[in-house]
Amino acid sequence: MTETTFGLATIGQVMIPVRDAERATAFYRDALGMRFLFAFPHMAFFDADGVRLYLAEPEAPDFRGRATLYFRVPDIAAAVTALEGRGVVFTHPAHVVHRDGTNELWMAFTKDPDDNNIGLMAEVPQAG
């Protein structure tokens, strides 16, 4: 009999700490264009392509802090342009963060109203 090594793999939900759930809901729904699922007092839920995003006003100090979400996009320039058109301000414009000889990894960063980091990422074939 062989021993199976357990390992976590599938993310079901990500909690983002926020100070004002209604304000955060408006940003994620209206500015970022995410699919809103439902809300309760002090919390809201969105669908991020099968992973549930949970915006919460944390009751316990252990759950306060800063999160970073990375969203894959097919065309980072087009994504930045679309979000800037909705009033999103980028703290770091689209730039190459890694090259492996075959692909380039591009990223751009903004923040939500609670200073959580939002990253856009796109892998593109490396030129030349």
N, C-alpha and C. Protein backbone atom coordinates (compact mmCIF):
# COMPACT_ATOMS: atom_id res chain seq x y z
N MET A 1 0.84 -1.18 0.00
CA MET A 1 0.00 0.00 0.00
C MET A 1 0.89 1.25 0.00
N THR A 2 0.58 2.19 -0.88
CA THR A 2 1.37 3.42 -0.96
C THR A 2 0.69 4.53 -0.18
N GLU A 3 1.52 5.41 0.35
CA GLU A 3 1.00 6.54 1.12
C GLU A 3 0.70 7.69 0.17
N THR A 4 -0.49 8.28 0.28
CA THR A 4 -0.87 9.42 -0.53
C THR A 4 -0.57 10.69 0.24
N THR A 5 0.09 11.63 -0.41
CA THR A 5 0.39 12.90 0.23
C THR A 5 -0.73 13.88 -0.04
N PHE A 6 -1.29 14.38 1.02
CA PHE A 6 -2.37 15.34 0.90
C PHE A 6 -1.81 16.72 0.61
N GLY A 7 -2.48 17.47 -0.26
CA GLY A 7 -2.09 18.85 -0.54
C GLY A 7 -3.30 19.66 -0.95
N LEU A 8 -3.38 20.87 -0.47
CA LEU A 8 -4.48 21.75 -0.86
C LEU A 8 -4.25 22.23 -2.28
N ALA A 9 -5.34 22.43 -3.04
CA ALA A 9 -5.19 22.87 -4.41
C ALA A 9 -6.26 23.87 -4.84
N THR A 10 -7.52 23.54 -4.65
CA THR A 10 -8.60 24.36 -5.19
C THR A 10 -9.04 25.41 -4.19
N ILE A 11 -9.03 26.67 -4.61
CA ILE A 11 -9.51 27.76 -3.76
C ILE A 11 -11.00 27.90 -3.97
N GLY A 12 -11.76 27.89 -2.89
CA GLY A 12 -13.20 28.04 -2.95
C GLY A 12 -13.66 29.46 -2.68
N GLN A 13 -12.93 30.16 -1.79
CA GLN A 13 -13.34 31.51 -1.42
C GLN A 13 -12.12 32.27 -0.92
N VAL A 14 -12.07 33.57 -1.21
CA VAL A 14 -11.03 34.45 -0.71
C VAL A 14 -11.71 35.58 0.03
N MET A 15 -11.29 35.84 1.28
CA MET A 15 -11.86 36.92 2.07
C MET A 15 -10.98 38.17 1.94
N ILE A 16 -11.64 39.29 1.64
CA ILE A 16 -10.95 40.57 1.55
C ILE A 16 -11.48 41.45 2.68
N PRO A 17 -10.61 41.88 3.61
CA PRO A 17 -11.08 42.74 4.69
C PRO A 17 -11.37 44.15 4.17
N VAL A 18 -12.53 44.70 4.53
CA VAL A 18 -12.92 46.04 4.10
C VAL A 18 -13.46 46.81 5.31
N ARG A 19 -13.44 48.13 5.23
CA ARG A 19 -13.99 48.97 6.31
C ARG A 19 -15.46 49.27 6.10
N ASP A 20 -15.90 49.32 4.84
CA ASP A 20 -17.28 49.66 4.51
C ASP A 20 -17.72 48.75 3.38
N ALA A 21 -18.51 47.73 3.70
CA ALA A 21 -18.90 46.72 2.71
C ALA A 21 -19.69 47.31 1.55
N GLU A 22 -20.54 48.28 1.81
CA GLU A 22 -21.32 48.88 0.72
C GLU A 22 -20.42 49.64 -0.25
N ARG A 23 -19.48 50.41 0.26
CA ARG A 23 -18.53 51.14 -0.60
C ARG A 23 -17.67 50.16 -1.40
N ALA A 24 -17.19 49.12 -0.74
CA ALA A 24 -16.37 48.12 -1.43
C ALA A 24 -17.18 47.39 -2.49
N THR A 25 -18.44 47.09 -2.20
CA THR A 25 -19.31 46.42 -3.17
C THR A 25 -19.43 47.26 -4.43
N ALA A 26 -19.64 48.56 -4.26
CA ALA A 26 -19.76 49.44 -5.43
C ALA A 26 -18.48 49.42 -6.26
N PHE A 27 -17.31 49.42 -5.62
CA PHE A 27 -16.04 49.39 -6.35
C PHE A 27 -15.87 48.08 -7.12
N TYR A 28 -16.05 46.96 -6.46
CA TYR A 28 -15.83 45.66 -7.11
C TYR A 28 -16.87 45.40 -8.20
N ARG A 29 -18.10 45.82 -7.97
CA ARG A 29 -19.18 45.61 -8.95
C ARG A 29 -19.10 46.63 -10.09
N ASP A 30 -19.04 47.92 -9.76
CA ASP A 30 -19.17 48.97 -10.77
C ASP A 30 -17.85 49.34 -11.44
N ALA A 31 -16.78 49.49 -10.66
CA ALA A 31 -15.50 49.88 -11.25
C ALA A 31 -14.76 48.68 -11.86
N LEU A 32 -14.69 47.57 -11.11
CA LEU A 32 -13.98 46.40 -11.63
C LEU A 32 -14.86 45.53 -12.52
N GLY A 33 -16.17 45.68 -12.42
CA GLY A 33 -17.08 44.91 -13.28
C GLY A 33 -17.23 43.46 -12.89
N MET A 34 -17.01 43.13 -11.62
CA MET A 34 -17.14 41.75 -11.17
C MET A 34 -18.61 41.36 -11.02
N ARG A 35 -18.88 40.06 -11.15
CA ARG A 35 -20.26 39.56 -11.05
C ARG A 35 -20.66 39.44 -9.58
N PHE A 36 -21.62 40.29 -9.18
CA PHE A 36 -22.13 40.32 -7.82
C PHE A 36 -23.03 39.11 -7.60
N LEU A 37 -22.85 38.42 -6.46
CA LEU A 37 -23.67 37.26 -6.14
C LEU A 37 -24.77 37.62 -5.15
N PHE A 38 -24.38 38.06 -3.92
CA PHE A 38 -25.36 38.39 -2.90
C PHE A 38 -24.66 39.14 -1.77
N ALA A 39 -25.46 39.73 -0.87
CA ALA A 39 -24.90 40.47 0.25
C ALA A 39 -25.74 40.24 1.50
N PHE A 40 -25.10 40.43 2.64
CA PHE A 40 -25.73 40.46 3.94
C PHE A 40 -25.16 41.69 4.63
N PRO A 41 -25.71 42.11 5.78
CA PRO A 41 -25.10 43.25 6.46
C PRO A 41 -23.61 43.03 6.72
N HIS A 42 -22.80 43.98 6.31
CA HIS A 42 -21.35 44.00 6.54
C HIS A 42 -20.57 42.99 5.70
N MET A 43 -21.18 42.45 4.64
CA MET A 43 -20.46 41.51 3.77
C MET A 43 -21.13 41.43 2.41
N ALA A 44 -20.32 41.06 1.41
CA ALA A 44 -20.83 40.88 0.04
C ALA A 44 -20.00 39.80 -0.64
N PHE A 45 -20.61 39.15 -1.62
CA PHE A 45 -19.97 38.03 -2.30
C PHE A 45 -20.03 38.23 -3.81
N PHE A 46 -18.92 37.90 -4.48
CA PHE A 46 -18.78 38.01 -5.92
C PHE A 46 -18.25 36.71 -6.50
N ASP A 47 -18.49 36.51 -7.79
CA ASP A 47 -17.94 35.35 -8.49
C ASP A 47 -16.72 35.79 -9.29
N ALA A 48 -15.58 35.18 -9.03
CA ALA A 48 -14.35 35.43 -9.76
C ALA A 48 -14.01 34.16 -10.55
N ASP A 49 -14.81 33.89 -11.57
CA ASP A 49 -14.62 32.73 -12.44
C ASP A 49 -14.58 31.42 -11.65
N GLY A 50 -15.57 31.26 -10.77
CA GLY A 50 -15.68 30.02 -10.01
C GLY A 50 -15.12 30.08 -8.60
N VAL A 51 -14.35 31.11 -8.28
CA VAL A 51 -13.85 31.31 -6.93
C VAL A 51 -14.67 32.44 -6.31
N ARG A 52 -15.21 32.19 -5.13
CA ARG A 52 -16.04 33.22 -4.50
C ARG A 52 -15.16 34.22 -3.78
N LEU A 53 -15.41 35.50 -4.04
CA LEU A 53 -14.72 36.60 -3.39
C LEU A 53 -15.64 37.12 -2.29
N TYR A 54 -15.15 37.15 -1.07
CA TYR A 54 -15.93 37.51 0.11
C TYR A 54 -15.40 38.82 0.68
N LEU A 55 -16.16 39.91 0.55
CA LEU A 55 -15.79 41.19 1.13
C LEU A 55 -16.42 41.26 2.51
N ALA A 56 -15.61 41.50 3.53
CA ALA A 56 -16.13 41.45 4.89
C ALA A 56 -15.57 42.57 5.75
N GLU A 57 -16.43 43.13 6.58
CA GLU A 57 -16.00 44.02 7.65
C GLU A 57 -15.67 43.10 8.82
N PRO A 58 -14.40 42.77 9.02
CA PRO A 58 -14.03 41.77 10.04
C PRO A 58 -14.43 42.18 11.45
N GLU A 59 -14.96 41.22 12.19
CA GLU A 59 -15.32 41.45 13.59
C GLU A 59 -14.12 41.19 14.49
N ALA A 60 -13.27 40.25 14.13
CA ALA A 60 -12.12 39.89 14.95
C ALA A 60 -10.83 40.48 14.36
N PRO A 61 -9.94 40.99 15.21
CA PRO A 61 -8.69 41.58 14.72
C PRO A 61 -7.85 40.62 13.88
N ASP A 62 -7.97 39.32 14.12
CA ASP A 62 -7.17 38.34 13.36
C ASP A 62 -7.46 38.39 11.86
N PHE A 63 -8.62 38.93 11.47
CA PHE A 63 -9.01 38.93 10.06
C PHE A 63 -8.87 40.30 9.41
N ARG A 64 -8.26 41.24 10.11
CA ARG A 64 -8.00 42.55 9.52
C ARG A 64 -6.61 42.52 8.90
N GLY A 65 -6.43 43.24 7.84
CA GLY A 65 -5.13 43.27 7.19
C GLY A 65 -5.27 43.71 5.75
N ARG A 66 -4.31 43.35 4.95
CA ARG A 66 -4.30 43.74 3.55
C ARG A 66 -4.18 42.49 2.70
N ALA A 67 -4.98 42.46 1.65
CA ALA A 67 -4.94 41.33 0.72
C ALA A 67 -4.41 41.81 -0.63
N THR A 68 -3.94 40.87 -1.45
CA THR A 68 -3.59 41.15 -2.83
C THR A 68 -4.27 40.11 -3.70
N LEU A 69 -5.08 40.59 -4.63
CA LEU A 69 -5.74 39.72 -5.61
C LEU A 69 -5.07 39.91 -6.95
N TYR A 70 -4.79 38.82 -7.63
CA TYR A 70 -4.22 38.86 -8.97
C TYR A 70 -5.24 38.31 -9.94
N PHE A 71 -5.65 39.11 -10.91
CA PHE A 71 -6.61 38.69 -11.92
C PHE A 71 -5.90 38.47 -13.24
N ARG A 72 -6.09 37.29 -13.84
CA ARG A 72 -5.54 37.03 -15.17
C ARG A 72 -6.39 37.76 -16.20
N VAL A 73 -5.72 38.42 -17.14
CA VAL A 73 -6.40 39.09 -18.25
C VAL A 73 -5.69 38.71 -19.54
N PRO A 74 -6.42 38.61 -20.65
CA PRO A 74 -5.77 38.23 -21.91
C PRO A 74 -4.95 39.36 -22.53
N ASP A 75 -5.36 40.61 -22.31
CA ASP A 75 -4.69 41.78 -22.89
C ASP A 75 -4.60 42.83 -21.80
N ILE A 76 -3.42 42.99 -21.22
CA ILE A 76 -3.28 43.87 -20.06
C ILE A 76 -3.50 45.33 -20.42
N ALA A 77 -3.05 45.75 -21.61
CA ALA A 77 -3.25 47.14 -22.01
C ALA A 77 -4.74 47.45 -22.16
N ALA A 78 -5.48 46.55 -22.77
CA ALA A 78 -6.92 46.76 -22.95
C ALA A 78 -7.64 46.75 -21.60
N ALA A 79 -7.22 45.88 -20.69
CA ALA A 79 -7.84 45.80 -19.36
C ALA A 79 -7.59 47.09 -18.58
N VAL A 80 -6.36 47.59 -18.61
CA VAL A 80 -6.03 48.84 -17.92
C VAL A 80 -6.86 49.99 -18.49
N THR A 81 -6.93 50.07 -19.81
CA THR A 81 -7.70 51.14 -20.46
C THR A 81 -9.18 51.08 -20.06
N ALA A 82 -9.76 49.88 -20.05
CA ALA A 82 -11.17 49.72 -19.68
C ALA A 82 -11.41 50.16 -18.24
N LEU A 83 -10.53 49.74 -17.32
CA LEU A 83 -10.71 50.08 -15.91
C LEU A 83 -10.46 51.56 -15.65
N GLU A 84 -9.47 52.14 -16.34
CA GLU A 84 -9.24 53.58 -16.19
C GLU A 84 -10.46 54.37 -16.68
N GLY A 85 -11.15 53.85 -17.68
CA GLY A 85 -12.37 54.48 -18.17
C GLY A 85 -13.48 54.49 -17.13
N ARG A 86 -13.39 53.62 -16.13
CA ARG A 86 -14.36 53.56 -15.02
C ARG A 86 -13.85 54.30 -13.79
N GLY A 87 -12.74 55.01 -13.95
CA GLY A 87 -12.21 55.79 -12.83
C GLY A 87 -11.18 55.10 -11.97
N VAL A 88 -10.76 53.89 -12.35
CA VAL A 88 -9.74 53.17 -11.58
C VAL A 88 -8.38 53.80 -11.85
N VAL A 89 -7.64 54.09 -10.80
CA VAL A 89 -6.31 54.70 -10.91
C VAL A 89 -5.27 53.62 -10.61
N PHE A 90 -4.30 53.47 -11.48
CA PHE A 90 -3.26 52.46 -11.30
C PHE A 90 -2.05 53.06 -10.59
N THR A 91 -1.60 52.37 -9.53
CA THR A 91 -0.42 52.80 -8.78
C THR A 91 0.86 52.37 -9.46
N HIS A 92 0.80 51.30 -10.22
CA HIS A 92 1.93 50.80 -11.01
C HIS A 92 1.39 50.44 -12.39
N PRO A 93 1.84 51.11 -13.44
CA PRO A 93 1.34 50.81 -14.78
C PRO A 93 1.79 49.44 -15.25
N ALA A 94 1.22 48.97 -16.34
CA ALA A 94 1.58 47.66 -16.89
C ALA A 94 3.08 47.63 -17.20
N HIS A 95 3.74 46.58 -16.72
CA HIS A 95 5.18 46.43 -16.94
C HIS A 95 5.56 44.95 -16.86
N VAL A 96 6.68 44.61 -17.45
CA VAL A 96 7.19 43.23 -17.42
C VAL A 96 7.84 42.98 -16.06
N VAL A 97 7.45 41.89 -15.41
CA VAL A 97 8.06 41.53 -14.13
C VAL A 97 8.95 40.29 -14.24
N HIS A 98 8.78 39.54 -15.34
CA HIS A 98 9.58 38.32 -15.50
C HIS A 98 9.61 37.90 -16.96
N ARG A 99 10.77 37.41 -17.40
CA ARG A 99 10.92 36.80 -18.72
C ARG A 99 11.60 35.46 -18.52
N ASP A 100 11.09 34.44 -19.20
CA ASP A 100 11.71 33.12 -19.07
C ASP A 100 12.28 32.59 -20.39
N GLY A 101 12.41 33.46 -21.38
CA GLY A 101 12.92 33.03 -22.68
C GLY A 101 11.82 32.66 -23.65
N THR A 102 10.65 32.34 -23.13
CA THR A 102 9.51 31.98 -23.96
C THR A 102 8.36 32.97 -23.77
N ASN A 103 8.10 33.33 -22.51
CA ASN A 103 6.99 34.23 -22.18
C ASN A 103 7.45 35.39 -21.34
N GLU A 104 6.65 36.46 -21.38
CA GLU A 104 6.82 37.60 -20.49
C GLU A 104 5.60 37.65 -19.57
N LEU A 105 5.83 37.93 -18.30
CA LEU A 105 4.74 38.11 -17.36
C LEU A 105 4.61 39.61 -17.11
N TRP A 106 3.46 40.16 -17.51
CA TRP A 106 3.15 41.57 -17.35
C TRP A 106 2.21 41.74 -16.16
N MET A 107 2.41 42.82 -15.40
CA MET A 107 1.51 43.14 -14.28
C MET A 107 1.26 44.63 -14.22
N ALA A 108 0.10 44.98 -13.66
CA ALA A 108 -0.27 46.36 -13.35
C ALA A 108 -1.02 46.30 -12.02
N PHE A 109 -0.89 47.36 -11.21
CA PHE A 109 -1.50 47.33 -9.88
C PHE A 109 -2.32 48.57 -9.59
N THR A 110 -3.41 48.35 -8.86
CA THR A 110 -4.26 49.41 -8.34
C THR A 110 -4.62 49.02 -6.92
N LYS A 111 -5.48 49.79 -6.28
CA LYS A 111 -5.93 49.49 -4.92
C LYS A 111 -7.44 49.65 -4.85
N ASP A 112 -8.05 48.89 -3.95
CA ASP A 112 -9.48 49.08 -3.71
C ASP A 112 -9.63 50.19 -2.67
N PRO A 113 -10.86 50.57 -2.31
CA PRO A 113 -11.04 51.67 -1.36
C PRO A 113 -10.45 51.42 0.02
N ASP A 114 -10.11 50.17 0.35
CA ASP A 114 -9.53 49.84 1.65
C ASP A 114 -8.04 49.56 1.59
N ASP A 115 -7.40 49.96 0.49
CA ASP A 115 -5.95 49.78 0.29
C ASP A 115 -5.53 48.34 0.06
N ASN A 116 -6.47 47.44 -0.25
CA ASN A 116 -6.08 46.10 -0.67
C ASN A 116 -5.53 46.22 -2.10
N ASN A 117 -4.54 45.44 -2.41
CA ASN A 117 -3.90 45.49 -3.72
C ASN A 117 -4.68 44.67 -4.74
N ILE A 118 -4.84 45.22 -5.94
CA ILE A 118 -5.47 44.51 -7.05
C ILE A 118 -4.43 44.48 -8.17
N GLY A 119 -4.03 43.27 -8.55
CA GLY A 119 -3.07 43.13 -9.63
C GLY A 119 -3.72 42.53 -10.88
N LEU A 120 -3.35 43.05 -12.03
CA LEU A 120 -3.72 42.43 -13.30
C LEU A 120 -2.48 41.73 -13.80
N MET A 121 -2.65 40.53 -14.35
CA MET A 121 -1.49 39.79 -14.85
C MET A 121 -1.81 39.16 -16.19
N ALA A 122 -0.83 39.21 -17.09
CA ALA A 122 -1.00 38.61 -18.41
C ALA A 122 0.34 37.98 -18.82
N GLU A 123 0.26 36.74 -19.29
CA GLU A 123 1.44 36.08 -19.84
C GLU A 123 1.34 36.17 -21.35
N VAL A 124 2.39 36.70 -21.96
CA VAL A 124 2.39 36.86 -23.42
C VAL A 124 3.67 36.25 -23.98
N PRO A 125 3.58 35.71 -25.20
CA PRO A 125 4.79 35.17 -25.82
C PRO A 125 5.86 36.26 -25.94
N GLN A 126 7.09 35.87 -25.63
CA GLN A 126 8.20 36.82 -25.68
C GLN A 126 8.58 37.09 -27.12
N ALA A 127 8.71 38.35 -27.46
CA ALA A 127 9.06 38.75 -28.83
C ALA A 127 10.52 38.41 -29.12
N GLY A 128 10.76 38.05 -30.39
CA GLY A 128 12.10 37.86 -30.91
C GLY A 128 12.84 36.74 -30.34
